[in-house]
């Protein structure tokens, strides 16, 4: 028995060690090298390859004695060492050249370098171990087979790593190296046995080309083919859901501190889980779905596990019966909806406003939760993980059986099982079809938002008018923007970075649709314009944010001096003067000043009445008059504004009343030939179904709201209250609208596209800003005000050279002003003074009585509230 174990170890264990050594050398060398840990990367590379070579030489000596190649006993130790180092150096050179060839010359060059280099290296190695000329192996089958395997594993590994799928890439590399070493060992063993049987090495060498023994057995070849096929199927299955890390790295837990923002704990909990009618999937499915990880040992965790979801940037929350009975992170809601296409009632899980608009910054041992701040979730990576989880579930019978047991219970019938499988497969196929439609048009290729960003306007339009209506409406989303902070925003006159939406209900319905609320846009259906949008829920969320008077709802956080250091009053006073001179004209006076309540900073809700359709609101209210700045003047990345300005969609005849025909002839129209009048139908100069995307979204969202109001039988006053006493204005200006800067320190990164890491860099000329930086850590830089630049596992590399990511503009640089220069070049001291003042800016105080009186219409009684 012991002899059998010993023989097995002699035959296999060295090759297991050799495979592990080479895998660790390559996998961790590249990982450390990419992290700029060059010394450790080099040490790991050499250590791993030395382990591999020593293991192989040990195997040769144990099996064939001390007379073979560089392991021969008669050779001095230094010759053996030099030979060992030279063999290691040769393979290290090939692999390093392969990585650099891919980086500088592309994949074809990388393939040639790796294949040719490894073919020569394997031939030399086989020649040394077999005591024959390496030239005998250059064109041999055994060297070619192991080279092909190692090359395929290496190419798959580097490709997946460069597409941020390190774990799957490592798996491919390990598979390739394992099969290579098995076949290599078999080849060497057969050759050595053949030499021993023949007893004449010279005659064996001369007969190499004509009577070469079969060096590779059938079993290793068949096993290799099967393993490669399995790996190929696995790669093909998962490739549609490529994302940076198949299983993102875990996060570190710490007690959470909630900053004071004028919300009670009850209001906070309600905001965290208030439904807006979005539909991610059936709630029972989500709770039963397993993570898209592949484990050979241990149990796969559930997708709904808060620790797992935290890896995508979702913030953990405590379970409670009223708002979070399913124990989900901040930003998830479970609700009952009626699906608009078939009328079925489902309990679903969806995302809420809080998912994108709740922030947390980490400083030392403190985790500071900031309600309404920019979140750091990665929506794309999360959606891809969900898709991959479904795919693995439907393709793996054992995994699906566990899924079915959780959804249906242990005693489900075969019919229930089959129906569930059909439903899951149907949802999966719909998702794959949507992904294929997007991929074939390269809708989001190269425009990954990463953590804390998404191209919201593009994704809303693509889902509404593309996925749910007509794929011909799909257009490239090349302008991801950061999630903006929400405090005070209900009191802005126009919303979105480009100031394109006036009414809060219209804005919020659009946002809900963008994160998967479902709408029936088929005019032939009796459920036309039915949706899952939770109108009541949206109004509740807006009321929580707005409060009962201007700027009295959710408020910006105060700088936590007890945690991040006291404010220097002398520097802050100097910064206040600089703010008034350089910033206030665009960003308005500080909200905690008396000056903010002056009339010029406010605009009434009847100032933008669209008289062709909408009447002025019956109740007058005033809102902050944010000053739009032309994109040419501010000089920041123009993508979000220009994309929205130039985009048109074909709505068919589903959402347009006759009043739309012939309107807006002064706008630029793009007639794609979609609209053909029916017989006897009057023609128009422009196709009445092709609208600017802003106008089209306005009509869809207004129609959804009106359908709900009509069903409820609401009065005009109730409708106006839900609409925030504002008309559903829509426009597409080529401008960005700067907001007040209270609390801005708590919502990095900066500019509308999140392309500037800290406020300090925002006050510098663009060439002094980080060209690339990592997003994903929550560690806070309390000196420069922003997130630190740390390459934590799974971090997103933000490249400001990519279209949509430009960090230009908003420059304090040499005069003259314009073309992105908004102020004079500042000294380091002046920048630090402004930062110190920004720390002091607080929320607005109580509304002055003089403001309330000034906002009334002459006909309104004095007891009328402003809002």
Foldseek 3Di string as FASTA:
>chain_A
DVVVVVVVCLQPVLLVQLLVLQLQLPLVLVVCVVVVVNVVSVVSNLRSNLSNLVSVLSSLCVVPNQCAFLSHPVDDPVSSVVVSVVLSVLLVVLLVVLVVCCVPPNDVSSLCSQLQSQLQSLLVVLCRRLVEHSVLRSPDPLSNVLSVLQSQLSSQLVVLQVLQANVLSSVSNSLSSSLSSVQSSQLSVVSSVVCVVVVDSVVCRVCSVPDNDDRGDPVSVVVSVVSVVVSVVVCVLLVLLRDNYLQFDWDDDADEDEFDFLDDPVLVLCQQAQDQLFFPDFPLLQQLFFWLDDDPDDDTHGNQDQRRQVSQQFAADAADDPRHPVRGTGFKYWDWFQALPPRDIGTGIFGGPQRQQWDWFDADRYIYTWGQFGTFGQVSNSSSRVLSRLSCCLVDVVNVVSSCCSRPNPPDDPVSSVVVSVVSVVVSVLVSVVSVLCVVQVQCPPQRLHTQKDLQLLLLQCQVQDSQNHVVQRHHSRAIFGRHGQALVLQAQADDQQRFWGWQLLVSVSNSVSRHWDAHQDQVDPSHGDISGDLVSSLSSSCQRCPDARSNHGWAGAQPCVRLHDFDVVLLVLLLVVCVVFPCVQANPFQADPRCLDPVQKDKQQPDDPVLDDDQFPAIFIGGHFDWDACQQQQFQQVSQVCLLPRKGFSDPRQDDPSQAPPPPVHDFDCPPPDDDDVPDDDGPHRSRIDRSQVVSLRSSVSSLVVVCVVVVDDPVVSCVSRVSHDGGGDRDNTGTHYHLANVLRHDDDDRSRLAFFVLCLAAAQVPGDQKAWDDHSHADSQRRGHDRDDDGPTDIQGCVRRNNPPAASYQDPDDHTSRHRHHRDDSSNSSSSSSNSSRRTGHDDDDLVSQVVRGDPPDDSVDGND
